[in-house]
């Protein structure tokens, strides 16, 4: 019985070892963004959320603002200094609807702030009423790496 059981245990162990493989993620290849895009005007602590939503008055034009920052992590292990946020200057950024329709282009200023002014029609909302929402993308490239930041604008 022992002669039969020992090879069987080794065969089962070999099966478990060969079955363990690292599988690639079949859905989204994740690449770390080269910049941090903080959508201004979104409620506190949602400005860094997955899809921050800015609430705007439907009787006025839509002004969308974001701050573009590069994270300097050289002092990440020193708790007295930590990570430093450095504004990215003169970075061209495109604003598009989620379906790819362009809204406009702008360049970040000396504080890393980029501002877009658009009509509600440009955002795909012909008659802005409370609750209407437009999903938008902030698109750019920094140090040879492209980035896209998702956000939304909603009529108050």
N, C-alpha and C. Protein backbone atom coordinates (compact mmCIF):
# COMPACT_ATOMS: atom_id res chain seq x y z
N UNK A 1 0.83 -1.20 0.00
CA UNK A 1 0.00 0.00 0.00
C UNK A 1 0.87 1.25 0.00
N UNK A 2 1.99 1.21 0.77
CA UNK A 2 2.87 2.37 0.85
C UNK A 2 3.51 2.66 -0.50
N UNK A 3 3.83 1.61 -1.27
CA UNK A 3 4.43 1.79 -2.59
C UNK A 3 3.45 2.47 -3.54
N UNK A 4 2.19 2.25 -3.37
CA UNK A 4 1.17 2.84 -4.21
C UNK A 4 0.84 4.28 -3.78
N UNK A 5 0.84 4.55 -2.48
CA UNK A 5 0.45 5.85 -1.93
C UNK A 5 1.51 6.94 -2.17
N UNK A 6 2.79 6.62 -2.05
CA UNK A 6 3.86 7.61 -2.20
C UNK A 6 3.88 8.21 -3.62
N UNK A 7 3.87 7.43 -4.69
CA UNK A 7 3.85 8.04 -6.02
C UNK A 7 2.56 8.83 -6.29
N UNK A 8 1.47 8.36 -5.70
CA UNK A 8 0.21 9.08 -5.88
C UNK A 8 0.26 10.47 -5.23
N UNK A 9 0.84 10.57 -4.04
CA UNK A 9 0.99 11.87 -3.37
C UNK A 9 1.89 12.79 -4.19
N UNK A 10 2.99 12.27 -4.71
CA UNK A 10 3.88 13.08 -5.54
C UNK A 10 3.19 13.53 -6.82
N UNK A 11 2.41 12.67 -7.41
CA UNK A 11 1.69 13.02 -8.62
C UNK A 11 0.65 14.13 -8.36
N UNK A 12 -0.05 14.05 -7.25
CA UNK A 12 -1.02 15.08 -6.88
C UNK A 12 -0.31 16.41 -6.59
N UNK A 13 0.81 16.36 -5.86
CA UNK A 13 1.58 17.56 -5.56
C UNK A 13 2.10 18.21 -6.84
N UNK A 14 2.58 17.41 -7.77
CA UNK A 14 3.06 17.93 -9.05
C UNK A 14 1.91 18.59 -9.82
N UNK A 15 0.73 18.02 -9.75
CA UNK A 15 -0.44 18.61 -10.40
C UNK A 15 -0.78 19.97 -9.83
N UNK A 16 -0.71 20.11 -8.50
CA UNK A 16 -0.98 21.40 -7.87
C UNK A 16 0.07 22.45 -8.25
N UNK A 17 1.32 22.06 -8.29
CA UNK A 17 2.40 22.99 -8.61
C UNK A 17 2.29 23.48 -10.05
N UNK A 18 2.01 22.59 -10.98
CA UNK A 18 1.91 23.02 -12.38
C UNK A 18 0.63 23.78 -12.67
N UNK A 19 -0.38 23.62 -11.84
CA UNK A 19 -1.65 24.35 -12.05
C UNK A 19 -1.55 25.79 -11.60
N UNK A 20 -0.58 26.13 -10.75
CA UNK A 20 -0.44 27.49 -10.24
C UNK A 20 0.39 28.32 -11.21
N UNK A 21 -0.28 29.18 -11.96
CA UNK A 21 0.38 30.07 -12.89
C UNK A 21 -0.17 31.47 -12.70
N UNK A 22 0.65 32.45 -13.00
CA UNK A 22 0.18 33.82 -12.94
C UNK A 22 -0.61 34.10 -14.21
N UNK A 23 -1.85 34.49 -14.04
CA UNK A 23 -2.70 34.79 -15.19
C UNK A 23 -2.70 36.29 -15.44
N UNK A 24 -2.67 36.67 -16.71
CA UNK A 24 -2.75 38.08 -17.07
C UNK A 24 -4.19 38.55 -16.89
N UNK A 25 -4.33 39.82 -16.53
CA UNK A 25 -5.66 40.41 -16.38
C UNK A 25 -6.27 40.57 -17.76
N UNK A 26 -7.38 39.89 -18.04
CA UNK A 26 -7.94 39.94 -19.40
C UNK A 26 -8.75 41.21 -19.68
N UNK A 27 -8.99 42.05 -18.68
CA UNK A 27 -9.90 43.17 -18.87
C UNK A 27 -9.19 44.48 -19.16
N UNK A 28 -8.41 45.00 -18.22
CA UNK A 28 -7.80 46.31 -18.39
C UNK A 28 -6.33 46.24 -18.01
N UNK A 29 -5.44 46.58 -18.96
CA UNK A 29 -4.04 46.67 -18.58
C UNK A 29 -3.83 47.95 -17.78
N UNK A 30 -3.43 47.83 -16.56
CA UNK A 30 -3.31 48.99 -15.68
C UNK A 30 -1.89 49.56 -15.74
N UNK A 31 -1.83 50.85 -15.98
CA UNK A 31 -0.57 51.58 -15.98
C UNK A 31 -0.75 52.77 -15.05
N UNK A 32 0.22 52.99 -14.19
CA UNK A 32 0.13 54.10 -13.24
C UNK A 32 0.22 55.41 -14.00
N UNK A 33 -0.68 56.33 -13.67
CA UNK A 33 -0.70 57.63 -14.33
C UNK A 33 0.55 58.43 -13.95
N UNK A 34 1.12 59.16 -14.91
CA UNK A 34 2.31 59.95 -14.60
C UNK A 34 2.00 61.22 -13.81
N UNK A 35 0.71 61.60 -13.76
CA UNK A 35 0.31 62.82 -13.06
C UNK A 35 -0.94 62.54 -12.23
N UNK A 36 -1.21 63.45 -11.32
CA UNK A 36 -2.42 63.41 -10.51
C UNK A 36 -3.30 64.56 -11.00
N UNK A 37 -4.52 64.26 -11.42
CA UNK A 37 -5.44 65.28 -11.92
C UNK A 37 -6.53 65.47 -10.87
N UNK A 38 -6.52 66.63 -10.23
CA UNK A 38 -7.52 66.96 -9.21
C UNK A 38 -8.59 67.82 -9.86
N UNK A 39 -9.80 67.30 -9.94
CA UNK A 39 -10.90 68.03 -10.56
C UNK A 39 -11.45 69.01 -9.53
N UNK A 40 -11.33 70.29 -9.84
CA UNK A 40 -11.76 71.35 -8.92
C UNK A 40 -13.28 71.54 -9.03
N UNK A 41 -13.90 71.88 -7.92
CA UNK A 41 -15.33 72.11 -7.92
C UNK A 41 -16.13 70.89 -7.52
N UNK A 42 -15.51 69.73 -7.47
CA UNK A 42 -16.19 68.52 -7.00
C UNK A 42 -16.26 68.59 -5.48
N UNK A 43 -17.24 67.94 -4.87
CA UNK A 43 -17.33 67.97 -3.40
C UNK A 43 -16.04 67.47 -2.76
N UNK A 44 -15.75 67.99 -1.56
CA UNK A 44 -14.52 67.66 -0.85
C UNK A 44 -14.35 66.14 -0.75
N UNK A 45 -13.17 65.67 -1.02
CA UNK A 45 -12.73 64.29 -1.00
C UNK A 45 -13.31 63.45 -2.12
N UNK A 46 -14.11 64.02 -2.99
CA UNK A 46 -14.47 63.29 -4.20
C UNK A 46 -13.70 63.85 -5.38
N UNK A 47 -12.93 64.95 -5.15
CA UNK A 47 -12.13 65.52 -6.23
C UNK A 47 -11.04 64.56 -6.68
N UNK A 48 -10.68 63.60 -5.84
CA UNK A 48 -9.71 62.57 -6.21
C UNK A 48 -10.38 61.22 -6.44
N UNK A 49 -11.71 61.18 -6.43
CA UNK A 49 -12.45 59.93 -6.56
C UNK A 49 -12.30 59.36 -7.97
N UNK A 50 -12.83 58.16 -8.16
CA UNK A 50 -12.75 57.50 -9.45
C UNK A 50 -13.37 58.34 -10.55
N UNK A 51 -14.54 58.90 -10.30
CA UNK A 51 -15.19 59.78 -11.27
C UNK A 51 -15.86 60.93 -10.53
N UNK A 52 -15.09 61.98 -10.18
CA UNK A 52 -15.68 63.11 -9.47
C UNK A 52 -16.70 63.85 -10.34
N UNK A 53 -17.77 64.32 -9.71
CA UNK A 53 -18.82 65.03 -10.43
C UNK A 53 -18.90 66.46 -9.94
N UNK A 54 -18.80 67.39 -10.87
CA UNK A 54 -18.89 68.82 -10.57
C UNK A 54 -20.33 69.25 -10.83
N UNK A 55 -20.94 69.89 -9.84
CA UNK A 55 -22.31 70.40 -9.96
C UNK A 55 -22.25 71.86 -10.40
N UNK A 56 -22.92 72.20 -11.52
CA UNK A 56 -22.90 73.56 -12.05
C UNK A 56 -24.31 74.07 -12.31
N UNK A 57 -24.45 75.39 -12.28
CA UNK A 57 -25.73 76.06 -12.55
C UNK A 57 -26.04 75.96 -14.04
N UNK A 58 -27.23 75.49 -14.36
CA UNK A 58 -27.62 75.30 -15.76
C UNK A 58 -27.92 76.59 -16.49
N UNK A 59 -28.09 77.70 -15.77
CA UNK A 59 -28.38 78.98 -16.43
C UNK A 59 -27.13 79.68 -16.92
N UNK A 60 -25.97 79.21 -16.50
CA UNK A 60 -24.69 79.81 -16.91
C UNK A 60 -23.91 78.80 -17.73
N UNK A 61 -22.85 79.25 -18.37
CA UNK A 61 -21.97 78.35 -19.10
C UNK A 61 -21.21 77.45 -18.14
N UNK A 62 -20.68 76.39 -18.65
CA UNK A 62 -19.95 75.43 -17.82
C UNK A 62 -18.46 75.75 -17.83
N UNK A 63 -17.90 76.01 -16.66
CA UNK A 63 -16.47 76.24 -16.52
C UNK A 63 -15.90 75.09 -15.71
N UNK A 64 -14.99 74.34 -16.32
CA UNK A 64 -14.39 73.16 -15.70
C UNK A 64 -12.92 73.43 -15.45
N UNK A 65 -12.46 73.13 -14.25
CA UNK A 65 -11.08 73.40 -13.86
C UNK A 65 -10.48 72.17 -13.21
N UNK A 66 -9.21 71.93 -13.50
CA UNK A 66 -8.48 70.83 -12.87
C UNK A 66 -7.06 71.30 -12.56
N UNK A 67 -6.49 70.71 -11.54
CA UNK A 67 -5.11 70.99 -11.18
C UNK A 67 -4.30 69.73 -11.49
N UNK A 68 -3.21 69.90 -12.24
CA UNK A 68 -2.37 68.79 -12.66
C UNK A 68 -1.10 68.81 -11.81
N UNK A 69 -0.84 67.70 -11.12
CA UNK A 69 0.30 67.61 -10.21
C UNK A 69 1.16 66.40 -10.53
N UNK A 70 2.46 66.57 -10.37
CA UNK A 70 3.39 65.44 -10.43
C UNK A 70 3.75 65.09 -9.00
N UNK A 71 3.74 63.82 -8.67
CA UNK A 71 4.06 63.40 -7.31
C UNK A 71 5.53 63.04 -7.21
N UNK A 72 6.27 63.81 -6.40
CA UNK A 72 7.69 63.53 -6.15
C UNK A 72 7.77 62.61 -4.95
N UNK A 73 8.18 61.37 -5.19
CA UNK A 73 8.18 60.35 -4.14
C UNK A 73 9.58 60.08 -3.58
N UNK A 74 10.53 61.00 -3.77
CA UNK A 74 11.89 60.75 -3.30
C UNK A 74 11.96 60.64 -1.77
N UNK A 75 11.07 61.31 -1.05
CA UNK A 75 11.08 61.26 0.41
C UNK A 75 9.95 60.41 0.96
N UNK A 76 9.52 59.42 0.22
CA UNK A 76 8.35 58.63 0.61
C UNK A 76 8.59 57.86 1.93
N UNK A 77 9.83 57.51 2.21
CA UNK A 77 10.11 56.76 3.44
C UNK A 77 10.41 57.64 4.64
N UNK A 78 10.51 58.94 4.43
CA UNK A 78 10.77 59.87 5.53
C UNK A 78 9.44 60.48 5.96
N UNK A 79 8.92 60.05 7.09
CA UNK A 79 7.59 60.49 7.53
C UNK A 79 7.54 61.99 7.81
N UNK A 80 8.68 62.64 8.04
CA UNK A 80 8.67 64.08 8.30
C UNK A 80 8.52 64.90 7.01
N UNK A 81 8.80 64.29 5.86
CA UNK A 81 8.72 65.00 4.58
C UNK A 81 7.60 64.45 3.70
N UNK A 82 7.58 63.15 3.46
CA UNK A 82 6.52 62.53 2.68
C UNK A 82 6.59 62.84 1.19
N UNK A 83 5.46 62.66 0.52
CA UNK A 83 5.36 62.89 -0.92
C UNK A 83 5.06 64.36 -1.18
N UNK A 84 5.73 64.91 -2.18
CA UNK A 84 5.54 66.31 -2.53
C UNK A 84 4.75 66.41 -3.83
N UNK A 85 3.79 67.33 -3.89
CA UNK A 85 3.00 67.56 -5.09
C UNK A 85 3.54 68.78 -5.82
N UNK A 86 4.03 68.55 -7.03
CA UNK A 86 4.63 69.62 -7.82
C UNK A 86 3.70 69.95 -8.99
N UNK A 87 3.27 71.21 -9.14
CA UNK A 87 2.41 71.57 -10.27
C UNK A 87 3.11 71.33 -11.60
N UNK A 88 2.38 70.80 -12.56
CA UNK A 88 2.92 70.57 -13.90
C UNK A 88 2.57 71.80 -14.74
N UNK A 89 3.59 72.48 -15.23
CA UNK A 89 3.45 73.73 -15.97
C UNK A 89 3.48 73.47 -17.47
N UNK A 90 2.67 74.24 -18.23
CA UNK A 90 2.64 74.20 -19.70
C UNK A 90 2.35 72.81 -20.26
N UNK A 91 1.41 72.11 -19.64
CA UNK A 91 1.02 70.79 -20.12
C UNK A 91 -0.26 70.93 -20.95
N UNK A 92 -0.23 70.57 -22.23
CA UNK A 92 -1.45 70.63 -23.03
C UNK A 92 -2.42 69.51 -22.63
N UNK A 93 -3.67 69.88 -22.43
CA UNK A 93 -4.71 68.94 -22.01
C UNK A 93 -5.92 69.11 -22.92
N UNK A 94 -6.50 67.98 -23.32
CA UNK A 94 -7.72 68.00 -24.13
C UNK A 94 -8.88 67.57 -23.26
N UNK A 95 -10.03 68.18 -23.48
CA UNK A 95 -11.25 67.80 -22.79
C UNK A 95 -12.20 67.23 -23.84
N UNK A 96 -12.68 66.01 -23.61
CA UNK A 96 -13.59 65.37 -24.55
C UNK A 96 -14.77 64.76 -23.80
N UNK A 97 -15.84 64.53 -24.52
CA UNK A 97 -16.93 63.74 -23.97
C UNK A 97 -16.48 62.29 -23.95
N UNK A 98 -17.16 61.45 -23.20
CA UNK A 98 -16.78 60.05 -23.09
C UNK A 98 -16.86 59.33 -24.42
N UNK A 99 -17.70 59.82 -25.35
CA UNK A 99 -17.80 59.18 -26.67
C UNK A 99 -16.70 59.65 -27.62
N UNK A 100 -15.82 60.55 -27.17
CA UNK A 100 -14.70 61.01 -27.98
C UNK A 100 -14.89 62.37 -28.63
N UNK A 101 -16.07 62.95 -28.51
CA UNK A 101 -16.34 64.27 -29.09
C UNK A 101 -15.49 65.32 -28.39
N UNK A 102 -14.65 66.06 -29.14
CA UNK A 102 -13.79 67.06 -28.49
C UNK A 102 -14.58 68.27 -28.00
N UNK A 103 -14.19 68.76 -26.83
CA UNK A 103 -14.80 69.96 -26.25
C UNK A 103 -13.84 71.13 -26.39
N UNK A 104 -12.56 70.89 -26.12
CA UNK A 104 -11.58 71.96 -26.24
C UNK A 104 -10.20 71.51 -25.81
N UNK A 105 -9.25 72.41 -25.96
CA UNK A 105 -7.86 72.18 -25.55
C UNK A 105 -7.39 73.38 -24.76
N UNK A 106 -6.55 73.14 -23.77
CA UNK A 106 -5.97 74.21 -22.96
C UNK A 106 -4.62 73.76 -22.44
N UNK A 107 -3.86 74.71 -21.91
CA UNK A 107 -2.54 74.44 -21.37
C UNK A 107 -2.51 74.86 -19.90
N UNK A 108 -1.86 74.06 -19.08
CA UNK A 108 -1.80 74.36 -17.64
C UNK A 108 -0.93 75.60 -17.39
N UNK A 109 -1.31 76.36 -16.38
CA UNK A 109 -0.59 77.60 -16.05
C UNK A 109 0.54 77.32 -15.06
N UNK A 110 1.08 78.36 -14.46
CA UNK A 110 2.22 78.23 -13.54
C UNK A 110 1.86 77.49 -12.25
N UNK A 111 0.57 77.38 -11.94
CA UNK A 111 0.14 76.65 -10.75
C UNK A 111 -0.38 75.26 -11.10
N UNK A 112 -0.24 74.86 -12.37
CA UNK A 112 -0.70 73.56 -12.81
C UNK A 112 -2.20 73.49 -13.06
N UNK A 113 -2.85 74.65 -13.13
CA UNK A 113 -4.30 74.70 -13.29
C UNK A 113 -4.65 74.84 -14.77
N UNK A 114 -5.60 74.04 -15.21
CA UNK A 114 -6.11 74.12 -16.57
C UNK A 114 -7.62 74.36 -16.49
N UNK A 115 -8.12 75.31 -17.31
CA UNK A 115 -9.53 75.70 -17.25
C UNK A 115 -10.15 75.63 -18.63
N UNK A 116 -11.35 75.06 -18.69
CA UNK A 116 -12.13 74.98 -19.92
C UNK A 116 -13.46 75.68 -19.69
N UNK A 117 -13.89 76.46 -20.67
CA UNK A 117 -15.22 77.07 -20.64
C UNK A 117 -15.97 76.51 -21.84
N UNK A 118 -17.15 75.95 -21.59
CA UNK A 118 -17.94 75.34 -22.65
C UNK A 118 -19.41 75.65 -22.45
N UNK A 119 -20.15 75.54 -23.52
CA UNK A 119 -21.59 75.68 -23.42
C UNK A 119 -22.17 74.30 -23.07
N UNK A 120 -23.40 74.31 -22.59
CA UNK A 120 -24.04 73.03 -22.27
C UNK A 120 -24.25 72.20 -23.52
N UNK A 121 -24.46 72.87 -24.66
CA UNK A 121 -24.64 72.14 -25.92
C UNK A 121 -23.36 71.39 -26.29
N UNK A 122 -22.19 71.99 -26.03
CA UNK A 122 -20.93 71.31 -26.29
C UNK A 122 -20.77 70.07 -25.41
N UNK A 123 -21.39 70.11 -24.24
CA UNK A 123 -21.33 68.97 -23.33
C UNK A 123 -22.40 67.93 -23.64
N UNK A 124 -23.16 68.16 -24.71
CA UNK A 124 -24.18 67.19 -25.11
C UNK A 124 -25.51 67.36 -24.41
N UNK A 125 -25.70 68.51 -23.74
CA UNK A 125 -26.95 68.78 -23.02
C UNK A 125 -27.59 70.00 -23.69
N UNK A 126 -28.63 69.76 -24.49
CA UNK A 126 -29.23 70.86 -25.25
C UNK A 126 -30.07 71.78 -24.36
N UNK A 127 -30.82 71.23 -23.43
CA UNK A 127 -31.64 72.04 -22.51
C UNK A 127 -31.30 71.62 -21.09
N UNK A 128 -30.37 72.33 -20.44
CA UNK A 128 -29.92 71.92 -19.11
C UNK A 128 -31.03 72.04 -18.05
N UNK A 129 -31.39 70.91 -17.50
CA UNK A 129 -32.32 70.86 -16.38
C UNK A 129 -31.68 70.07 -15.25
N UNK A 130 -32.17 70.27 -14.07
CA UNK A 130 -31.58 69.63 -12.89
C UNK A 130 -31.47 68.12 -13.08
N UNK A 131 -30.27 67.62 -12.84
CA UNK A 131 -30.03 66.18 -12.95
C UNK A 131 -29.36 65.76 -14.25
N UNK A 132 -29.38 66.62 -15.29
CA UNK A 132 -28.68 66.27 -16.53
C UNK A 132 -27.20 66.10 -16.24
N UNK A 133 -26.58 65.13 -16.91
CA UNK A 133 -25.19 64.80 -16.60
C UNK A 133 -24.42 64.52 -17.88
N UNK A 134 -23.17 64.96 -17.91
CA UNK A 134 -22.28 64.68 -19.03
C UNK A 134 -20.99 64.07 -18.49
N UNK A 135 -20.60 62.94 -19.03
CA UNK A 135 -19.35 62.29 -18.64
C UNK A 135 -18.24 62.79 -19.55
N UNK A 136 -17.12 63.20 -18.95
CA UNK A 136 -16.03 63.80 -19.71
C UNK A 136 -14.69 63.15 -19.38
N UNK A 137 -13.72 63.36 -20.28
CA UNK A 137 -12.34 62.87 -20.12
C UNK A 137 -11.38 64.04 -20.17
N UNK A 138 -10.40 64.02 -19.30
CA UNK A 138 -9.27 64.95 -19.35
C UNK A 138 -8.12 64.12 -19.91
N UNK A 139 -7.60 64.48 -21.08
CA UNK A 139 -6.61 63.66 -21.77
C UNK A 139 -5.34 64.46 -21.99
N UNK A 140 -4.20 63.82 -21.75
CA UNK A 140 -2.92 64.47 -21.99
C UNK A 140 -1.80 63.46 -22.04
N UNK A 141 -0.59 63.98 -22.16
CA UNK A 141 0.60 63.14 -22.17
C UNK A 141 1.70 63.86 -21.40
N UNK A 142 2.34 63.13 -20.48
CA UNK A 142 3.40 63.71 -19.66
C UNK A 142 4.58 62.76 -19.62
N UNK A 143 5.75 63.26 -19.98
CA UNK A 143 6.99 62.48 -20.03
C UNK A 143 6.83 61.20 -20.86
N UNK A 144 6.15 61.37 -22.00
CA UNK A 144 5.99 60.26 -22.94
C UNK A 144 4.92 59.24 -22.57
N UNK A 145 4.19 59.47 -21.50
CA UNK A 145 3.15 58.53 -21.09
C UNK A 145 1.79 59.23 -21.11
N UNK A 146 0.86 58.63 -21.83
CA UNK A 146 -0.48 59.21 -21.95
C UNK A 146 -1.27 58.94 -20.67
N UNK A 147 -2.23 59.84 -20.40
CA UNK A 147 -3.11 59.65 -19.25
C UNK A 147 -4.51 60.14 -19.62
N UNK A 148 -5.49 59.57 -18.97
CA UNK A 148 -6.89 59.97 -19.11
C UNK A 148 -7.51 60.00 -17.73
N UNK A 149 -8.17 61.10 -17.41
CA UNK A 149 -8.85 61.26 -16.12
C UNK A 149 -10.34 61.35 -16.39
N UNK A 150 -11.12 60.48 -15.80
CA UNK A 150 -12.57 60.50 -15.96
C UNK A 150 -13.19 61.45 -14.95
N UNK A 151 -14.21 62.17 -15.38
CA UNK A 151 -15.00 62.98 -14.45
C UNK A 151 -16.36 63.22 -15.10
N UNK A 152 -17.19 63.99 -14.42
CA UNK A 152 -18.52 64.29 -14.94
C UNK A 152 -18.92 65.69 -14.50
N UNK A 153 -19.89 66.25 -15.21
CA UNK A 153 -20.47 67.53 -14.84
C UNK A 153 -21.98 67.33 -14.83
N UNK A 154 -22.62 67.87 -13.80
CA UNK A 154 -24.05 67.69 -13.63
C UNK A 154 -24.71 69.03 -13.37
N UNK A 155 -25.93 69.19 -13.90
CA UNK A 155 -26.68 70.43 -13.72
C UNK A 155 -27.33 70.39 -12.33
N UNK A 156 -27.17 71.52 -11.56
CA UNK A 156 -27.78 71.62 -10.23
C UNK A 156 -29.27 71.72 -10.36
